[in-house]
Amino acid sequence: MRGVLSFWYRFLNAPYDMDETVAFRQSRAQVALHQSKRLAVVLYEEAVRARYTDNPADHEQQLAHLLWITRLPFVRLGIVPTATPKYGVDAVGFWIHDSDCVVVATPTAELKVVRPQEIAMYERLFEMLDGQAVYGKDARHLITRAMDEL
């Protein structure tokens, strides 16, 4: 997290509030990973392999955390393998919240989408990605293979 944020602080010439930002993101992650929630996540294998620091140990720690998350009973984590064709899907992340809104993340803002027809489009996109993803031991295999190649 610090590696990604460091780049954006420099690139955007933004005020440096790393500790506060990391604390906020960690608290947000704790809320999202509470057992009362149900979380469905799809990542591209490229995201699993992307390194954001020069230190391979940082990436290994991130991947170990991801492996832990795959074993949580209330989390369904899928990974779209690199060899799978990507049909018109870009790299902007989005989060669907109970079909009430979609949050789209850009480098400089989070956009909140609330129009039902747009939410439906993101739900269709998620379903497509979900169908391309591998889960369980196959997803864990992609993660551990990325760890082995560090």
N, C-alpha and C. Protein backbone atom coordinates (compact mmCIF):
# COMPACT_ATOMS: atom_id res chain seq x y z
N MET A 1 0.83 -1.18 0.00
CA MET A 1 0.00 0.00 0.00
C MET A 1 0.88 1.25 0.00
N ARG A 2 1.92 1.23 0.81
CA ARG A 2 2.80 2.40 0.88
C ARG A 2 3.53 2.63 -0.44
N GLY A 3 3.89 1.54 -1.14
CA GLY A 3 4.57 1.70 -2.42
C GLY A 3 3.70 2.39 -3.45
N VAL A 4 2.45 1.98 -3.54
CA VAL A 4 1.50 2.61 -4.48
C VAL A 4 1.27 4.06 -4.11
N LEU A 5 1.00 4.29 -2.83
CA LEU A 5 0.71 5.65 -2.39
C LEU A 5 1.91 6.58 -2.59
N SER A 6 3.11 6.08 -2.36
CA SER A 6 4.30 6.92 -2.54
C SER A 6 4.38 7.45 -3.96
N PHE A 7 4.11 6.57 -4.93
CA PHE A 7 4.13 7.02 -6.33
C PHE A 7 3.12 8.14 -6.55
N TRP A 8 1.88 7.94 -6.07
CA TRP A 8 0.83 8.94 -6.33
C TRP A 8 1.08 10.25 -5.61
N TYR A 9 1.64 10.19 -4.41
CA TYR A 9 2.00 11.44 -3.73
C TYR A 9 2.98 12.25 -4.58
N ARG A 10 3.99 11.56 -5.10
CA ARG A 10 4.99 12.26 -5.93
C ARG A 10 4.37 12.72 -7.24
N PHE A 11 3.65 11.84 -7.91
CA PHE A 11 3.10 12.15 -9.22
C PHE A 11 2.11 13.31 -9.16
N LEU A 12 1.25 13.32 -8.16
CA LEU A 12 0.22 14.35 -8.04
C LEU A 12 0.69 15.56 -7.25
N ASN A 13 1.93 15.48 -6.73
CA ASN A 13 2.45 16.54 -5.89
C ASN A 13 1.45 16.86 -4.77
N ALA A 14 0.94 15.79 -4.16
CA ALA A 14 -0.10 15.89 -3.13
C ALA A 14 0.53 16.02 -1.75
N PRO A 15 -0.20 16.61 -0.82
CA PRO A 15 0.30 16.69 0.56
C PRO A 15 0.56 15.29 1.09
N TYR A 16 1.63 15.12 1.80
CA TYR A 16 2.05 13.81 2.29
C TYR A 16 1.37 13.51 3.62
N ASP A 17 0.41 12.60 3.59
CA ASP A 17 -0.28 12.18 4.81
C ASP A 17 -0.35 10.65 4.84
N MET A 18 0.80 10.03 4.57
CA MET A 18 0.89 8.58 4.42
C MET A 18 0.31 7.83 5.62
N ASP A 19 0.72 8.18 6.82
CA ASP A 19 0.27 7.42 7.99
C ASP A 19 -1.25 7.47 8.14
N GLU A 20 -1.83 8.64 7.94
CA GLU A 20 -3.29 8.77 8.06
C GLU A 20 -4.00 7.98 6.96
N THR A 21 -3.46 8.04 5.75
CA THR A 21 -4.08 7.33 4.63
C THR A 21 -4.00 5.83 4.82
N VAL A 22 -2.85 5.33 5.25
CA VAL A 22 -2.69 3.89 5.49
C VAL A 22 -3.64 3.45 6.61
N ALA A 23 -3.71 4.22 7.68
CA ALA A 23 -4.60 3.87 8.79
C ALA A 23 -6.06 3.82 8.31
N PHE A 24 -6.47 4.80 7.50
CA PHE A 24 -7.83 4.82 6.98
C PHE A 24 -8.10 3.59 6.11
N ARG A 25 -7.16 3.27 5.22
CA ARG A 25 -7.37 2.12 4.34
C ARG A 25 -7.39 0.81 5.11
N GLN A 26 -6.56 0.70 6.14
CA GLN A 26 -6.56 -0.51 6.96
C GLN A 26 -7.87 -0.66 7.72
N SER A 27 -8.40 0.45 8.23
CA SER A 27 -9.68 0.37 8.95
C SER A 27 -10.80 0.01 7.98
N ARG A 28 -10.74 0.54 6.77
CA ARG A 28 -11.74 0.21 5.75
C ARG A 28 -11.65 -1.27 5.38
N ALA A 29 -10.43 -1.80 5.30
CA ALA A 29 -10.24 -3.23 5.00
C ALA A 29 -10.79 -4.10 6.13
N GLN A 30 -10.60 -3.68 7.38
CA GLN A 30 -11.13 -4.44 8.50
C GLN A 30 -12.66 -4.51 8.46
N VAL A 31 -13.28 -3.42 8.07
CA VAL A 31 -14.74 -3.41 7.94
C VAL A 31 -15.17 -4.36 6.82
N ALA A 32 -14.48 -4.28 5.69
CA ALA A 32 -14.83 -5.12 4.54
C ALA A 32 -14.60 -6.60 4.83
N LEU A 33 -13.60 -6.91 5.63
CA LEU A 33 -13.27 -8.31 5.91
C LEU A 33 -13.91 -8.82 7.20
N HIS A 34 -14.96 -8.17 7.65
CA HIS A 34 -15.68 -8.66 8.83
C HIS A 34 -16.54 -9.85 8.42
N GLN A 35 -16.60 -10.84 9.29
CA GLN A 35 -17.32 -12.08 8.96
C GLN A 35 -18.81 -11.89 8.74
N SER A 36 -19.36 -10.75 9.13
CA SER A 36 -20.78 -10.49 8.86
C SER A 36 -21.02 -10.08 7.41
N LYS A 37 -19.95 -9.79 6.69
CA LYS A 37 -20.05 -9.38 5.29
C LYS A 37 -19.94 -10.60 4.38
N ARG A 38 -20.34 -10.42 3.16
CA ARG A 38 -20.12 -11.40 2.10
C ARG A 38 -19.38 -10.67 1.01
N LEU A 39 -18.20 -11.14 0.66
CA LEU A 39 -17.35 -10.44 -0.29
C LEU A 39 -17.04 -11.34 -1.48
N ALA A 40 -17.29 -10.84 -2.68
CA ALA A 40 -16.93 -11.54 -3.91
C ALA A 40 -15.95 -10.64 -4.65
N VAL A 41 -14.77 -11.18 -4.92
CA VAL A 41 -13.68 -10.40 -5.53
C VAL A 41 -13.15 -11.14 -6.74
N VAL A 42 -12.90 -10.40 -7.81
CA VAL A 42 -12.23 -10.96 -8.98
C VAL A 42 -11.05 -10.06 -9.30
N LEU A 43 -9.89 -10.68 -9.43
CA LEU A 43 -8.66 -9.97 -9.81
C LEU A 43 -8.11 -10.58 -11.08
N TYR A 44 -7.40 -9.78 -11.84
CA TYR A 44 -6.62 -10.33 -12.94
C TYR A 44 -5.33 -10.91 -12.36
N GLU A 45 -4.83 -11.98 -12.95
CA GLU A 45 -3.55 -12.53 -12.53
C GLU A 45 -2.45 -11.48 -12.61
N GLU A 46 -2.56 -10.59 -13.56
CA GLU A 46 -1.57 -9.52 -13.70
C GLU A 46 -1.52 -8.66 -12.43
N ALA A 47 -2.66 -8.46 -11.78
CA ALA A 47 -2.69 -7.69 -10.53
C ALA A 47 -1.96 -8.44 -9.42
N VAL A 48 -2.07 -9.76 -9.43
CA VAL A 48 -1.39 -10.57 -8.43
C VAL A 48 0.13 -10.49 -8.62
N ARG A 49 0.56 -10.37 -9.85
CA ARG A 49 1.99 -10.35 -10.16
C ARG A 49 2.61 -8.96 -10.12
N ALA A 50 1.79 -7.93 -10.16
CA ALA A 50 2.31 -6.55 -10.20
C ALA A 50 3.03 -6.22 -8.90
N ARG A 51 4.24 -5.67 -9.04
CA ARG A 51 5.04 -5.27 -7.88
C ARG A 51 5.07 -3.75 -7.80
N TYR A 52 4.89 -3.25 -6.59
CA TYR A 52 4.83 -1.80 -6.40
C TYR A 52 5.99 -1.25 -5.58
N THR A 53 6.93 -2.13 -5.24
CA THR A 53 8.15 -1.68 -4.56
C THR A 53 9.32 -2.46 -5.14
N ASP A 54 10.52 -2.02 -4.80
CA ASP A 54 11.72 -2.72 -5.25
C ASP A 54 12.05 -3.93 -4.38
N ASN A 55 11.33 -4.09 -3.29
CA ASN A 55 11.62 -5.14 -2.33
C ASN A 55 10.69 -6.34 -2.55
N PRO A 56 11.24 -7.47 -3.04
CA PRO A 56 10.39 -8.65 -3.26
C PRO A 56 9.68 -9.13 -1.99
N ALA A 57 10.26 -8.89 -0.82
CA ALA A 57 9.63 -9.31 0.44
C ALA A 57 8.31 -8.59 0.65
N ASP A 58 8.21 -7.34 0.21
CA ASP A 58 6.93 -6.61 0.32
C ASP A 58 5.86 -7.31 -0.49
N HIS A 59 6.22 -7.72 -1.70
CA HIS A 59 5.25 -8.39 -2.57
C HIS A 59 4.88 -9.76 -2.01
N GLU A 60 5.87 -10.47 -1.49
CA GLU A 60 5.60 -11.78 -0.91
C GLU A 60 4.63 -11.67 0.27
N GLN A 61 4.80 -10.64 1.09
CA GLN A 61 3.91 -10.42 2.22
C GLN A 61 2.48 -10.13 1.73
N GLN A 62 2.37 -9.35 0.67
CA GLN A 62 1.06 -9.05 0.10
C GLN A 62 0.39 -10.32 -0.43
N LEU A 63 1.15 -11.16 -1.10
CA LEU A 63 0.61 -12.41 -1.63
C LEU A 63 0.23 -13.39 -0.51
N ALA A 64 1.02 -13.42 0.56
CA ALA A 64 0.67 -14.27 1.71
C ALA A 64 -0.65 -13.82 2.32
N HIS A 65 -0.85 -12.51 2.39
CA HIS A 65 -2.13 -11.98 2.90
C HIS A 65 -3.28 -12.38 1.97
N LEU A 66 -3.05 -12.32 0.68
CA LEU A 66 -4.07 -12.71 -0.29
C LEU A 66 -4.41 -14.20 -0.14
N LEU A 67 -3.40 -15.05 0.08
CA LEU A 67 -3.66 -16.47 0.33
C LEU A 67 -4.53 -16.66 1.57
N TRP A 68 -4.25 -15.90 2.62
CA TRP A 68 -5.05 -15.97 3.84
C TRP A 68 -6.50 -15.61 3.54
N ILE A 69 -6.68 -14.55 2.75
CA ILE A 69 -8.04 -14.09 2.42
C ILE A 69 -8.81 -15.16 1.66
N THR A 70 -8.15 -15.94 0.80
CA THR A 70 -8.85 -16.97 0.02
C THR A 70 -9.46 -18.03 0.90
N ARG A 71 -9.00 -18.14 2.12
CA ARG A 71 -9.49 -19.18 3.02
C ARG A 71 -10.60 -18.70 3.96
N LEU A 72 -10.92 -17.43 3.90
CA LEU A 72 -12.01 -16.92 4.73
C LEU A 72 -13.34 -17.42 4.17
N PRO A 73 -14.21 -17.97 5.02
CA PRO A 73 -15.45 -18.57 4.52
C PRO A 73 -16.44 -17.58 3.91
N PHE A 74 -16.30 -16.31 4.21
CA PHE A 74 -17.24 -15.31 3.70
C PHE A 74 -16.67 -14.53 2.52
N VAL A 75 -15.50 -14.97 2.03
CA VAL A 75 -14.87 -14.33 0.87
C VAL A 75 -14.79 -15.32 -0.27
N ARG A 76 -15.19 -14.87 -1.44
CA ARG A 76 -15.05 -15.66 -2.66
C ARG A 76 -14.10 -14.89 -3.56
N LEU A 77 -12.85 -15.38 -3.67
CA LEU A 77 -11.84 -14.67 -4.44
C LEU A 77 -11.49 -15.47 -5.69
N GLY A 78 -11.69 -14.84 -6.83
CA GLY A 78 -11.36 -15.46 -8.10
C GLY A 78 -10.25 -14.69 -8.80
N ILE A 79 -9.51 -15.40 -9.62
CA ILE A 79 -8.43 -14.79 -10.38
C ILE A 79 -8.61 -15.17 -11.84
N VAL A 80 -8.62 -14.16 -12.70
CA VAL A 80 -8.70 -14.39 -14.15
C VAL A 80 -7.28 -14.64 -14.64
N PRO A 81 -6.99 -15.86 -15.12
CA PRO A 81 -5.63 -16.16 -15.56
C PRO A 81 -5.18 -15.26 -16.71
N THR A 82 -3.88 -15.02 -16.75
CA THR A 82 -3.28 -14.14 -17.75
C THR A 82 -3.65 -14.56 -19.17
N ALA A 83 -3.69 -15.85 -19.44
CA ALA A 83 -3.95 -16.34 -20.80
C ALA A 83 -5.40 -16.16 -21.24
N THR A 84 -6.28 -15.78 -20.33
CA THR A 84 -7.69 -15.60 -20.67
C THR A 84 -7.87 -14.30 -21.45
N PRO A 85 -8.58 -14.34 -22.58
CA PRO A 85 -8.81 -13.10 -23.35
C PRO A 85 -9.56 -12.06 -22.51
N LYS A 86 -9.16 -10.81 -22.67
CA LYS A 86 -9.81 -9.69 -21.99
C LYS A 86 -10.59 -8.92 -23.04
N TYR A 87 -11.89 -8.98 -22.99
CA TYR A 87 -12.75 -8.35 -24.00
C TYR A 87 -13.20 -6.97 -23.55
N GLY A 88 -12.50 -5.96 -23.97
CA GLY A 88 -12.93 -4.59 -23.73
C GLY A 88 -12.99 -4.18 -22.28
N VAL A 89 -12.29 -4.87 -21.41
CA VAL A 89 -12.29 -4.54 -20.00
C VAL A 89 -11.03 -3.77 -19.69
N ASP A 90 -11.20 -2.60 -19.07
CA ASP A 90 -10.01 -1.84 -18.73
C ASP A 90 -9.57 -2.14 -17.30
N ALA A 91 -8.57 -1.44 -16.83
CA ALA A 91 -7.97 -1.74 -15.54
C ALA A 91 -8.51 -0.90 -14.39
N VAL A 92 -9.59 -0.20 -14.57
CA VAL A 92 -10.14 0.60 -13.49
C VAL A 92 -10.94 -0.31 -12.57
N GLY A 93 -10.58 -0.28 -11.29
CA GLY A 93 -11.27 -1.12 -10.32
C GLY A 93 -12.65 -0.57 -9.99
N PHE A 94 -13.56 -1.48 -9.64
CA PHE A 94 -14.89 -1.03 -9.21
C PHE A 94 -15.41 -1.98 -8.14
N TRP A 95 -16.26 -1.42 -7.27
CA TRP A 95 -16.84 -2.16 -6.17
C TRP A 95 -18.35 -1.96 -6.22
N ILE A 96 -19.08 -3.07 -6.20
CA ILE A 96 -20.54 -3.03 -6.20
C ILE A 96 -20.99 -3.22 -4.75
N HIS A 97 -21.78 -2.29 -4.26
CA HIS A 97 -22.26 -2.34 -2.88
C HIS A 97 -23.75 -2.69 -2.88
N ASP A 98 -24.06 -3.98 -2.67
CA ASP A 98 -25.44 -4.43 -2.50
C ASP A 98 -26.40 -3.93 -3.59
N SER A 99 -25.94 -3.78 -4.78
CA SER A 99 -26.76 -3.30 -5.92
C SER A 99 -27.32 -1.91 -5.70
N ASP A 100 -26.83 -1.19 -4.70
CA ASP A 100 -27.28 0.18 -4.44
C ASP A 100 -26.40 1.22 -5.12
N CYS A 101 -25.11 0.91 -5.20
CA CYS A 101 -24.19 1.83 -5.86
C CYS A 101 -22.94 1.08 -6.27
N VAL A 102 -22.21 1.68 -7.18
CA VAL A 102 -20.91 1.17 -7.63
C VAL A 102 -19.91 2.28 -7.39
N VAL A 103 -18.79 1.92 -6.78
CA VAL A 103 -17.71 2.88 -6.59
C VAL A 103 -16.62 2.52 -7.59
N VAL A 104 -16.26 3.49 -8.41
CA VAL A 104 -15.23 3.31 -9.43
C VAL A 104 -14.00 4.09 -8.98
N ALA A 105 -12.87 3.40 -8.94
CA ALA A 105 -11.64 4.03 -8.46
C ALA A 105 -10.80 4.51 -9.63
N THR A 106 -10.39 5.77 -9.56
CA THR A 106 -9.44 6.33 -10.52
C THR A 106 -8.24 6.81 -9.71
N PRO A 107 -7.15 7.19 -10.35
CA PRO A 107 -6.00 7.65 -9.58
C PRO A 107 -6.28 8.89 -8.73
N THR A 108 -7.25 9.71 -9.11
CA THR A 108 -7.46 10.96 -8.40
C THR A 108 -8.81 11.07 -7.70
N ALA A 109 -9.69 10.07 -7.87
CA ALA A 109 -11.02 10.19 -7.27
C ALA A 109 -11.70 8.83 -7.19
N GLU A 110 -12.71 8.76 -6.35
CA GLU A 110 -13.63 7.64 -6.36
C GLU A 110 -14.97 8.18 -6.83
N LEU A 111 -15.50 7.55 -7.86
CA LEU A 111 -16.77 7.98 -8.43
C LEU A 111 -17.87 7.06 -7.93
N LYS A 112 -18.98 7.64 -7.52
CA LYS A 112 -20.11 6.86 -7.02
C LYS A 112 -21.19 6.82 -8.10
N VAL A 113 -21.47 5.63 -8.59
CA VAL A 113 -22.48 5.42 -9.63
C VAL A 113 -23.75 4.92 -8.95
N VAL A 114 -24.88 5.62 -9.17
CA VAL A 114 -26.12 5.23 -8.49
C VAL A 114 -27.29 5.00 -9.45
N ARG A 115 -27.12 5.31 -10.72
CA ARG A 115 -28.21 5.10 -11.68
C ARG A 115 -28.41 3.60 -11.90
N PRO A 116 -29.62 3.09 -11.72
CA PRO A 116 -29.86 1.65 -11.81
C PRO A 116 -29.34 1.01 -13.11
N GLN A 117 -29.52 1.69 -14.26
CA GLN A 117 -29.06 1.08 -15.51
C GLN A 117 -27.53 0.98 -15.57
N GLU A 118 -26.82 1.91 -14.94
CA GLU A 118 -25.36 1.83 -14.90
C GLU A 118 -24.90 0.76 -13.91
N ILE A 119 -25.58 0.66 -12.76
CA ILE A 119 -25.26 -0.39 -11.80
C ILE A 119 -25.44 -1.75 -12.46
N ALA A 120 -26.51 -1.92 -13.23
CA ALA A 120 -26.76 -3.18 -13.94
C ALA A 120 -25.63 -3.50 -14.90
N MET A 121 -25.08 -2.49 -15.54
CA MET A 121 -23.96 -2.71 -16.47
C MET A 121 -22.74 -3.25 -15.70
N TYR A 122 -22.43 -2.67 -14.55
CA TYR A 122 -21.31 -3.15 -13.75
C TYR A 122 -21.57 -4.56 -13.23
N GLU A 123 -22.81 -4.85 -12.87
CA GLU A 123 -23.14 -6.21 -12.43
C GLU A 123 -22.92 -7.21 -13.56
N ARG A 124 -23.31 -6.85 -14.78
CA ARG A 124 -23.05 -7.72 -15.94
C ARG A 124 -21.56 -7.92 -16.16
N LEU A 125 -20.79 -6.83 -16.03
CA LEU A 125 -19.34 -6.91 -16.21
C LEU A 125 -18.74 -7.82 -15.14
N PHE A 126 -19.19 -7.68 -13.89
CA PHE A 126 -18.67 -8.54 -12.84
C PHE A 126 -19.01 -10.00 -13.12
N GLU A 127 -20.22 -10.27 -13.58
CA GLU A 127 -20.61 -11.64 -13.90
C GLU A 127 -19.72 -12.23 -14.99
N MET A 128 -19.38 -11.41 -15.99
CA MET A 128 -18.49 -11.88 -17.05
C MET A 128 -17.11 -12.22 -16.48
N LEU A 129 -16.56 -11.33 -15.67
CA LEU A 129 -15.25 -11.58 -15.07
C LEU A 129 -15.29 -12.79 -14.14
N ASP A 130 -16.38 -12.90 -13.37
CA ASP A 130 -16.57 -14.02 -12.46
C ASP A 130 -16.54 -15.35 -13.23
N GLY A 131 -17.14 -15.35 -14.40
CA GLY A 131 -17.17 -16.56 -15.22
C GLY A 131 -15.82 -16.91 -15.81
N GLN A 132 -14.94 -15.94 -15.95
CA GLN A 132 -13.60 -16.19 -16.49
C GLN A 132 -12.59 -16.59 -15.41
N ALA A 133 -12.94 -16.35 -14.15
CA ALA A 133 -12.00 -16.55 -13.05
C ALA A 133 -11.92 -18.00 -12.60
N VAL A 134 -10.78 -18.32 -11.98
CA VAL A 134 -10.61 -19.60 -11.29
C VAL A 134 -10.69 -19.33 -9.79
N TYR A 135 -11.11 -20.33 -9.04
CA TYR A 135 -11.35 -20.18 -7.61
C TYR A 135 -10.68 -21.30 -6.83
N GLY A 136 -10.71 -21.18 -5.50
CA GLY A 136 -10.21 -22.23 -4.62
C GLY A 136 -8.76 -22.57 -4.88
N LYS A 137 -8.49 -23.87 -4.97
CA LYS A 137 -7.10 -24.31 -5.11
C LYS A 137 -6.46 -23.78 -6.40
N ASP A 138 -7.26 -23.60 -7.46
CA ASP A 138 -6.69 -23.07 -8.70
C ASP A 138 -6.25 -21.61 -8.54
N ALA A 139 -7.03 -20.83 -7.81
CA ALA A 139 -6.64 -19.44 -7.54
C ALA A 139 -5.42 -19.42 -6.62
N ARG A 140 -5.42 -20.25 -5.59
CA ARG A 140 -4.27 -20.30 -4.69
C ARG A 140 -3.01 -20.73 -5.43
N HIS A 141 -3.17 -21.62 -6.41
CA HIS A 141 -2.01 -22.05 -7.21
C HIS A 141 -1.41 -20.86 -7.98
N LEU A 142 -2.25 -20.01 -8.55
CA LEU A 142 -1.74 -18.83 -9.26
C LEU A 142 -0.99 -17.89 -8.31
N ILE A 143 -1.50 -17.77 -7.09
CA ILE A 143 -0.84 -16.91 -6.11
C ILE A 143 0.50 -17.50 -5.69
N THR A 144 0.51 -18.80 -5.37
CA THR A 144 1.77 -19.41 -4.92
C THR A 144 2.79 -19.47 -6.05
N ARG A 145 2.33 -19.63 -7.29
CA ARG A 145 3.26 -19.60 -8.42
C ARG A 145 3.90 -18.21 -8.54
N ALA A 146 3.12 -17.17 -8.33
CA ALA A 146 3.68 -15.80 -8.34
C ALA A 146 4.69 -15.64 -7.21
N MET A 147 4.41 -16.22 -6.05
CA MET A 147 5.35 -16.15 -4.92
C MET A 147 6.65 -16.87 -5.26
N ASP A 148 6.53 -18.05 -5.89
CA ASP A 148 7.72 -18.83 -6.25
C ASP A 148 8.60 -18.12 -7.25
N GLU A 149 8.01 -17.27 -8.06
CA GLU A 149 8.76 -16.58 -9.12
C GLU A 149 9.34 -15.24 -8.67
N LEU A 150 9.19 -14.90 -7.39
CA LEU A 150 9.76 -13.62 -6.91
C LEU A 150 11.27 -13.67 -6.91
